[in-house]
C-alpha atoms as a PDB file:
ATOM      1  CA  MET A   1      16.737  54.701  31.077  1.00  0.00           C
ATOM      2  CA  ASP A   2      15.933  51.236  29.943  1.00  0.00           C
ATOM      3  CA  LYS A   3      14.243  48.868  32.489  1.00  0.00           C
ATOM      4  CA  LYS A   4      16.298  46.116  33.822  1.00  0.00           C
ATOM      5  CA  LYS A   5      15.830  42.744  32.295  1.00  0.00           C
ATOM      6  CA  VAL A   6      16.220  39.379  33.926  1.00  0.00           C
ATOM      7  CA  ILE A   7      19.184  37.384  32.525  1.00  0.00           C
ATOM      8  CA  VAL A   8      18.320  33.673  32.854  1.00  0.00           C
ATOM      9  CA  ILE A   9      21.443  31.505  32.710  1.00  0.00           C
ATOM     10  CA  PRO A  10      21.158  27.683  32.522  1.00  0.00           C
ATOM     11  CA  CYS A  11      23.936  25.271  33.210  1.00  0.00           C
ATOM     12  CA  SER A  12      25.550  23.513  30.268  1.00  0.00           C
ATOM     13  CA  GLY A  13      24.723  20.034  31.498  1.00  0.00           C
ATOM     14  CA  ILE A  14      25.812  18.623  28.259  1.00  0.00           C
ATOM     15  CA  GLY A  15      25.036  14.860  27.987  1.00  0.00           C
ATOM     16  CA  LYS A  16      22.689  14.814  30.869  1.00  0.00           C
ATOM     17  CA  PRO A  17      18.885  14.926  30.580  1.00  0.00           C
ATOM     18  CA  ILE A  18      18.674  17.208  33.613  1.00  0.00           C
ATOM     19  CA  GLY A  19      20.914  19.692  31.869  1.00  0.00           C
ATOM     20  CA  THR A  20      18.606  19.539  28.833  1.00  0.00           C
ATOM     21  CA  VAL A  21      15.660  20.419  31.167  1.00  0.00           C
ATOM     22  CA  SER A  22      17.668  23.373  32.480  1.00  0.00           C
ATOM     23  CA  ARG A  23      18.217  24.791  28.984  1.00  0.00           C
ATOM     24  CA  GLU A  24      14.665  23.962  27.772  1.00  0.00           C
ATOM     25  CA  THR A  25      13.221  25.751  30.791  1.00  0.00           C
ATOM     26  CA  THR A  26      15.337  28.811  29.962  1.00  0.00           C
ATOM     27  CA  TYR A  27      14.148  28.788  26.319  1.00  0.00           C
ATOM     28  CA  GLU A  28      10.483  28.465  27.476  1.00  0.00           C
ATOM     29  CA  ILE A  29      10.842  31.480  29.679  1.00  0.00           C
ATOM     30  CA  VAL A  30      12.976  33.771  27.381  1.00  0.00           C
ATOM     31  CA  GLU A  31      11.260  32.851  24.072  1.00  0.00           C
ATOM     32  CA  LYS A  32       7.653  32.436  25.220  1.00  0.00           C
ATOM     33  CA  LEU A  33       6.516  33.151  28.782  1.00  0.00           C
ATOM     34  CA  ARG A  34       8.446  36.398  29.573  1.00  0.00           C
ATOM     35  CA  LYS A  35      10.233  37.393  26.366  1.00  0.00           C
ATOM     36  CA  GLU A  36       9.680  40.971  27.085  1.00  0.00           C
ATOM     37  CA  LYS A  37      11.353  40.776  30.397  1.00  0.00           C
ATOM     38  CA  CYS A  38      14.096  38.194  29.956  1.00  0.00           C
ATOM     39  CA  GLN A  39      17.185  37.367  27.978  1.00  0.00           C
ATOM     40  CA  THR A  40      19.742  34.688  28.187  1.00  0.00           C
ATOM     41  CA  VAL A  41      23.502  34.631  27.652  1.00  0.00           C
ATOM     42  CA  CYS A  42      25.854  31.828  26.894  1.00  0.00           C
ATOM     43  CA  LEU A  43      27.439  30.447  30.057  1.00  0.00           C
ATOM     44  CA  ALA A  44      30.701  29.967  28.117  1.00  0.00           C
ATOM     45  CA  LEU A  45      30.951  33.625  27.474  1.00  0.00           C
ATOM     46  CA  LEU A  46      30.948  34.153  31.192  1.00  0.00           C
ATOM     47  CA  THR A  47      33.490  31.499  31.915  1.00  0.00           C
ATOM     48  CA  SER A  48      35.766  33.019  29.196  1.00  0.00           C
ATOM     49  CA  GLY A  49      35.499  36.464  30.636  1.00  0.00           C
ATOM     50  CA  ASP A  50      33.664  38.190  27.750  1.00  0.00           C
ATOM     51  CA  LYS A  51      33.422  41.820  28.878  1.00  0.00           C
ATOM     52  CA  GLU A  52      30.188  42.615  27.037  1.00  0.00           C
ATOM     53  CA  THR A  53      28.368  39.650  28.555  1.00  0.00           C
ATOM     54  CA  ILE A  54      29.655  40.342  32.011  1.00  0.00           C
ATOM     55  CA  GLU A  55      28.618  43.971  31.730  1.00  0.00           C
ATOM     56  CA  LYS A  56      25.105  42.907  30.667  1.00  0.00           C
ATOM     57  CA  LEU A  57      24.964  40.496  33.508  1.00  0.00           C
ATOM     58  CA  ASN A  58      25.927  43.073  36.097  1.00  0.00           C
ATOM     59  CA  LYS A  59      23.477  45.782  34.882  1.00  0.00           C
ATOM     60  CA  ASN A  60      20.429  43.420  35.101  1.00  0.00           C
ATOM     61  CA  TYR A  61      18.781  40.945  37.336  1.00  0.00           C
ATOM     62  CA  CYS A  62      19.997  37.341  37.153  1.00  0.00           C
ATOM     63  CA  ILE A  63      18.497  34.023  37.591  1.00  0.00           C
ATOM     64  CA  THR A  64      20.453  30.775  37.381  1.00  0.00           C
ATOM     65  CA  ILE A  65      19.080  27.399  36.548  1.00  0.00           C
ATOM     66  CA  ASP A  66      21.366  24.583  37.400  1.00  0.00           C
ATOM     67  CA  GLY A  67      20.665  20.908  36.623  1.00  0.00           C
ATOM     68  CA  CYS A  68      22.547  19.456  39.600  1.00  0.00           C
ATOM     69  CA  ALA A  69      24.222  20.198  42.838  1.00  0.00           C
ATOM     70  CA  LYS A  70      27.447  21.282  41.123  1.00  0.00           C
ATOM     71  CA  HIS A  71      25.807  24.643  40.612  1.00  0.00           C
ATOM     72  CA  CYS A  72      27.937  25.510  37.546  1.00  0.00           C
ATOM     73  CA  ALA A  73      25.734  28.369  36.348  1.00  0.00           C
ATOM     74  CA  LYS A  74      25.543  29.927  39.845  1.00  0.00           C
ATOM     75  CA  LYS A  75      29.292  29.548  40.469  1.00  0.00           C
ATOM     76  CA  ASN A  76      30.230  31.125  37.140  1.00  0.00           C
ATOM     77  CA  VAL A  77      27.914  33.993  37.715  1.00  0.00           C
ATOM     78  CA  GLU A  78      29.490  34.568  41.239  1.00  0.00           C
ATOM     79  CA  ALA A  79      32.931  34.405  39.614  1.00  0.00           C
ATOM     80  CA  CYS A  80      31.850  37.486  37.663  1.00  0.00           C
ATOM     81  CA  ASN A  81      31.144  39.310  40.939  1.00  0.00           C
ATOM     82  CA  LYS A  82      27.416  39.034  40.524  1.00  0.00           C
ATOM     83  CA  ILE A  83      25.206  37.324  43.143  1.00  0.00           C
ATOM     84  CA  PRO A  84      22.167  35.762  41.318  1.00  0.00           C
ATOM     85  CA  ASP A  85      18.874  37.200  42.434  1.00  0.00           C
ATOM     86  CA  LYS A  86      17.474  33.723  42.339  1.00  0.00           C
ATOM     87  CA  SER A  87      18.977  30.360  41.874  1.00  0.00           C
ATOM     88  CA  TYR A  88      17.177  27.058  41.041  1.00  0.00           C
ATOM     89  CA  MET A  89      18.262  23.517  40.802  1.00  0.00           C
ATOM     90  CA  ILE A  90      16.285  21.184  38.496  1.00  0.00           C
ATOM     91  CA  LEU A  91      17.034  18.097  40.593  1.00  0.00           C
ATOM     92  CA  LYS A  92      15.041  19.494  43.480  1.00  0.00           C
ATOM     93  CA  PHE A  93      11.965  19.957  41.174  1.00  0.00           C
ATOM     94  CA  ALA A  94      12.535  16.519  39.823  1.00  0.00           C
ATOM     95  CA  ALA A  95      12.622  15.013  43.259  1.00  0.00           C
ATOM     96  CA  ALA A  96       9.427  16.857  44.173  1.00  0.00           C
ATOM     97  CA  ASN A  97       7.632  15.652  40.883  1.00  0.00           C
ATOM     98  CA  PRO A  98       8.832  12.089  40.424  1.00  0.00           C
ATOM     99  CA  ASP A  99       6.106  11.521  37.844  1.00  0.00           C
ATOM    100  CA  LYS A 100       7.847  14.175  35.592  1.00  0.00           C
ATOM    101  CA  LYS A 101      11.001  12.545  34.538  1.00  0.00           C
ATOM    102  CA  PRO A 102      13.050  13.377  31.396  1.00  0.00           C
ATOM    103  CA  GLU A 103      13.326  10.406  29.147  1.00  0.00           C
ATOM    104  CA  GLY A 104      16.548  11.279  27.205  1.00  0.00           C
ATOM    105  CA  ILE A 105      19.168  13.851  26.390  1.00  0.00           C
ATOM    106  CA  ILE A 106      18.101  15.073  22.973  1.00  0.00           C
ATOM    107  CA  ASP A 107      14.423  14.259  23.413  1.00  0.00           C
ATOM    108  CA  ILE A 108      13.288  14.695  26.997  1.00  0.00           C
ATOM    109  CA  GLY A 109       9.853  13.242  26.221  1.00  0.00           C
ATOM    110  CA  ASN A 110       6.541  14.058  27.762  1.00  0.00           C
ATOM    111  CA  GLY A 111       7.722  13.730  31.381  1.00  0.00           C
ATOM    112  CA  GLY A 112      10.640  16.007  30.763  1.00  0.00           C
ATOM    113  CA  SER A 113       8.380  18.533  29.025  1.00  0.00           C
ATOM    114  CA  ASP A 114       6.066  18.377  31.926  1.00  0.00           C
ATOM    115  CA  LEU A 115       8.994  19.123  34.247  1.00  0.00           C
ATOM    116  CA  VAL A 116      10.028  22.154  32.093  1.00  0.00           C
ATOM    117  CA  ASP A 117       6.524  23.457  32.379  1.00  0.00           C
ATOM    118  CA  THR A 118       6.454  22.987  36.193  1.00  0.00           C
ATOM    119  CA  VAL A 119       9.828  24.714  36.677  1.00  0.00           C
ATOM    120  CA  ALA A 120       9.039  27.516  34.236  1.00  0.00           C
ATOM    121  CA  SER A 121       5.722  28.348  35.905  1.00  0.00           C
ATOM    122  CA  HIS A 122       7.580  28.592  39.201  1.00  0.00           C
ATOM    123  CA  ILE A 123      10.357  30.807  37.991  1.00  0.00           C
ATOM    124  CA  VAL A 124       8.146  33.317  36.127  1.00  0.00           C
ATOM    125  CA  LYS A 125       6.507  34.185  39.509  1.00  0.00           C
ATOM    126  CA  ASP A 126       9.992  35.381  40.627  1.00  0.00           C
ATOM    127  CA  ILE A 127      10.666  37.114  37.344  1.00  0.00           C
ATOM    128  CA  ASP A 128       7.376  39.053  37.765  1.00  0.00           C
ATOM    129  CA  GLU A 129       8.305  39.976  41.378  1.00  0.00           C
ATOM    130  CA  LEU A 130      11.775  41.225  40.302  1.00  0.00           C
ATOM    131  CA  THR A 131      10.464  43.239  37.405  1.00  0.00           C
ATOM    132  CA  LYS A 132       7.345  44.753  39.045  1.00  0.00           C
ATOM    133  CA  ASP A 133       7.125  48.565  38.794  1.00  0.00           C
END
């Protein structure tokens, strides 16, 4: 049997720098830091009820990364009858690290990149805990 992966789902946050940080954090984790343990799925596939995506979600661990207090990623996962194993909100990390501020939507700049690194390094600890043998 295949080992469970961690499905990391960011908010859409289109048009908001904090949403870009959410997505960039996800890419940092699934493409670099824990690519052997993680995957991501498109939030829109969950909201549209894509059966294959929902099945993948329900067979694995799940972490949501929301930009703001609307918790769109978390709420959409819960609408698929899955409780995220961990949920994060970028605004909380931004408030705790005021020196790490995203500078724009398309290019989050050095401050935004530093925030991505901070959030990702926190999340990978939970990924390692979820996937330990």
